[in-house]
Amino acid sequence: MAIKEQCRQHGFSDASFYNWRAKFGGMSVPDAKRLKELEAENAKLKHLLADSILDAEALKAALGRKR
């Protein structure tokens, strides 16, 4: 059965399959799990940084300072 047919049968596009294969194709299961953990940690750190920058800007505004 062709890849395109299998993707259609399971409800996603063949482009999604090829993107997934390019990202995870050569990885073992532990490597893929570690990548997901690192991506989640990175997202959390980005959120914390954005919050910190927002807090600093609010403090500057409250004190009436310009940059």
N, C-alpha and C. Protein backbone atom coordinates (compact mmCIF):
# COMPACT_ATOMS: atom_id res chain seq x y z
N MET A 1 0.84 -1.17 0.00
CA MET A 1 0.00 0.00 0.00
C MET A 1 0.90 1.24 0.00
N ALA A 2 0.54 2.22 -0.77
CA ALA A 2 1.33 3.44 -0.90
C ALA A 2 1.21 4.30 0.37
N ILE A 3 2.23 5.09 0.61
CA ILE A 3 2.26 5.97 1.78
C ILE A 3 1.06 6.92 1.75
N LYS A 4 0.78 7.48 0.59
CA LYS A 4 -0.32 8.43 0.46
C LYS A 4 -1.65 7.80 0.87
N GLU A 5 -1.88 6.56 0.48
CA GLU A 5 -3.11 5.86 0.84
C GLU A 5 -3.17 5.57 2.34
N GLN A 6 -2.06 5.16 2.92
CA GLN A 6 -2.03 4.87 4.35
C GLN A 6 -2.27 6.13 5.17
N CYS A 7 -1.69 7.24 4.74
CA CYS A 7 -1.90 8.50 5.45
C CYS A 7 -3.36 8.91 5.39
N ARG A 8 -3.97 8.78 4.22
CA ARG A 8 -5.38 9.13 4.06
C ARG A 8 -6.25 8.24 4.94
N GLN A 9 -5.91 6.96 5.01
CA GLN A 9 -6.67 6.00 5.82
C GLN A 9 -6.61 6.36 7.30
N HIS A 10 -5.48 6.88 7.76
CA HIS A 10 -5.31 7.22 9.18
C HIS A 10 -5.64 8.68 9.49
N GLY A 11 -6.00 9.44 8.48
CA GLY A 11 -6.52 10.78 8.70
C GLY A 11 -5.51 11.90 8.80
N PHE A 12 -4.37 11.80 8.16
CA PHE A 12 -3.43 12.91 8.09
C PHE A 12 -2.81 12.96 6.71
N SER A 13 -2.19 14.10 6.40
CA SER A 13 -1.67 14.29 5.05
C SER A 13 -0.32 13.59 4.89
N ASP A 14 0.02 13.31 3.64
CA ASP A 14 1.31 12.69 3.39
C ASP A 14 2.44 13.67 3.65
N ALA A 15 2.18 14.99 3.53
CA ALA A 15 3.19 15.99 3.86
C ALA A 15 3.54 15.92 5.35
N SER A 16 2.53 15.70 6.20
CA SER A 16 2.78 15.55 7.63
C SER A 16 3.65 14.34 7.90
N PHE A 17 3.38 13.26 7.18
CA PHE A 17 4.19 12.05 7.34
C PHE A 17 5.64 12.31 6.98
N TYR A 18 5.88 13.00 5.86
CA TYR A 18 7.26 13.25 5.44
C TYR A 18 7.96 14.22 6.38
N ASN A 19 7.24 15.20 6.91
CA ASN A 19 7.83 16.09 7.92
C ASN A 19 8.20 15.32 9.18
N TRP A 20 7.32 14.43 9.61
CA TRP A 20 7.59 13.61 10.79
C TRP A 20 8.80 12.72 10.55
N ARG A 21 8.85 12.11 9.36
CA ARG A 21 9.96 11.21 9.05
C ARG A 21 11.28 11.96 8.99
N ALA A 22 11.26 13.19 8.47
CA ALA A 22 12.49 13.98 8.42
C ALA A 22 12.97 14.33 9.83
N LYS A 23 12.03 14.57 10.73
CA LYS A 23 12.40 14.96 12.09
C LYS A 23 12.79 13.76 12.96
N PHE A 24 12.02 12.68 12.90
CA PHE A 24 12.20 11.55 13.80
C PHE A 24 12.69 10.27 13.12
N GLY A 25 12.88 10.28 11.83
CA GLY A 25 13.16 9.07 11.07
C GLY A 25 14.34 8.24 11.56
N GLY A 26 15.45 8.88 11.87
CA GLY A 26 16.64 8.13 12.27
C GLY A 26 16.81 7.97 13.76
N MET A 27 15.81 8.39 14.53
CA MET A 27 15.95 8.36 15.98
C MET A 27 15.41 7.07 16.58
N SER A 28 16.00 6.71 17.70
CA SER A 28 15.43 5.62 18.48
C SER A 28 14.36 6.21 19.39
N VAL A 29 13.60 5.36 20.03
CA VAL A 29 12.52 5.82 20.91
C VAL A 29 13.05 6.70 22.05
N PRO A 30 14.13 6.30 22.74
CA PRO A 30 14.64 7.18 23.82
C PRO A 30 15.10 8.54 23.30
N ASP A 31 15.68 8.57 22.09
CA ASP A 31 16.10 9.85 21.52
C ASP A 31 14.90 10.75 21.24
N ALA A 32 13.83 10.18 20.72
CA ALA A 32 12.63 10.96 20.42
C ALA A 32 11.99 11.48 21.71
N LYS A 33 11.97 10.65 22.75
CA LYS A 33 11.43 11.09 24.04
C LYS A 33 12.27 12.22 24.61
N ARG A 34 13.57 12.12 24.52
CA ARG A 34 14.47 13.16 25.03
C ARG A 34 14.26 14.46 24.26
N LEU A 35 14.08 14.36 22.94
CA LEU A 35 13.83 15.55 22.14
C LEU A 35 12.54 16.23 22.58
N LYS A 36 11.50 15.47 22.81
CA LYS A 36 10.23 16.04 23.28
C LYS A 36 10.40 16.71 24.64
N GLU A 37 11.16 16.08 25.54
CA GLU A 37 11.41 16.68 26.85
C GLU A 37 12.17 17.99 26.72
N LEU A 38 13.17 18.03 25.86
CA LEU A 38 13.95 19.24 25.66
C LEU A 38 13.10 20.35 25.05
N GLU A 39 12.23 19.99 24.11
CA GLU A 39 11.35 21.00 23.52
C GLU A 39 10.39 21.56 24.56
N ALA A 40 9.87 20.72 25.44
CA ALA A 40 8.97 21.18 26.50
C ALA A 40 9.72 22.09 27.48
N GLU A 41 10.93 21.70 27.83
CA GLU A 41 11.73 22.52 28.75
C GLU A 41 12.06 23.87 28.11
N ASN A 42 12.39 23.86 26.84
CA ASN A 42 12.70 25.09 26.12
C ASN A 42 11.49 26.02 26.09
N ALA A 43 10.31 25.48 25.85
CA ALA A 43 9.09 26.28 25.83
C ALA A 43 8.84 26.90 27.20
N LYS A 44 9.07 26.13 28.25
CA LYS A 44 8.88 26.63 29.62
C LYS A 44 9.86 27.77 29.91
N LEU A 45 11.11 27.60 29.52
CA LEU A 45 12.11 28.63 29.75
C LEU A 45 11.81 29.91 28.96
N LYS A 46 11.32 29.75 27.73
CA LYS A 46 10.93 30.92 26.94
C LYS A 46 9.79 31.67 27.62
N HIS A 47 8.85 30.93 28.16
CA HIS A 47 7.72 31.55 28.86
C HIS A 47 8.20 32.30 30.10
N LEU A 48 9.11 31.70 30.87
CA LEU A 48 9.65 32.36 32.05
C LEU A 48 10.42 33.62 31.68
N LEU A 49 11.17 33.58 30.60
CA LEU A 49 11.91 34.76 30.15
C LEU A 49 10.96 35.87 29.73
N ALA A 50 9.91 35.52 29.01
CA ALA A 50 8.93 36.53 28.58
C ALA A 50 8.26 37.17 29.80
N ASP A 51 7.91 36.36 30.78
CA ASP A 51 7.31 36.90 32.01
C ASP A 51 8.28 37.84 32.73
N SER A 52 9.54 37.47 32.79
CA SER A 52 10.54 38.28 33.45
C SER A 52 10.72 39.63 32.74
N ILE A 53 10.76 39.61 31.43
CA ILE A 53 10.90 40.84 30.66
C ILE A 53 9.67 41.73 30.86
N LEU A 54 8.49 41.11 30.86
CA LEU A 54 7.26 41.86 31.07
C LEU A 54 7.24 42.50 32.46
N ASP A 55 7.66 41.76 33.47
CA ASP A 55 7.73 42.31 34.82
C ASP A 55 8.70 43.49 34.90
N ALA A 56 9.85 43.37 34.25
CA ALA A 56 10.83 44.45 34.27
C ALA A 56 10.29 45.69 33.58
N GLU A 57 9.59 45.50 32.47
CA GLU A 57 9.00 46.65 31.77
C GLU A 57 7.91 47.30 32.62
N ALA A 58 7.11 46.51 33.31
CA ALA A 58 6.06 47.05 34.16
C ALA A 58 6.67 47.84 35.32
N LEU A 59 7.76 47.34 35.87
CA LEU A 59 8.44 48.04 36.95
C LEU A 59 9.01 49.37 36.48
N LYS A 60 9.60 49.37 35.29
CA LYS A 60 10.13 50.62 34.73
C LYS A 60 9.00 51.62 34.51
N ALA A 61 7.88 51.14 34.01
CA ALA A 61 6.74 52.03 33.77
C ALA A 61 6.19 52.57 35.09
N ALA A 62 6.16 51.75 36.11
CA ALA A 62 5.65 52.18 37.41
C ALA A 62 6.57 53.21 38.06
N LEU A 63 7.85 53.10 37.83
CA LEU A 63 8.80 54.04 38.40
C LEU A 63 8.95 55.29 37.55
N GLY A 64 8.35 55.28 36.36
CA GLY A 64 8.38 56.44 35.49
C GLY A 64 9.67 56.62 34.72
N ARG A 65 10.45 55.58 34.63
CA ARG A 65 11.71 55.66 33.89
C ARG A 65 11.49 55.31 32.43
N LYS A 66 12.28 55.96 31.61
CA LYS A 66 12.30 55.60 30.21
C LYS A 66 13.54 54.73 29.99
N ARG A 67 13.38 53.67 29.39
CA ARG A 67 14.44 52.70 29.07
C ARG A 67 15.67 53.05 29.78
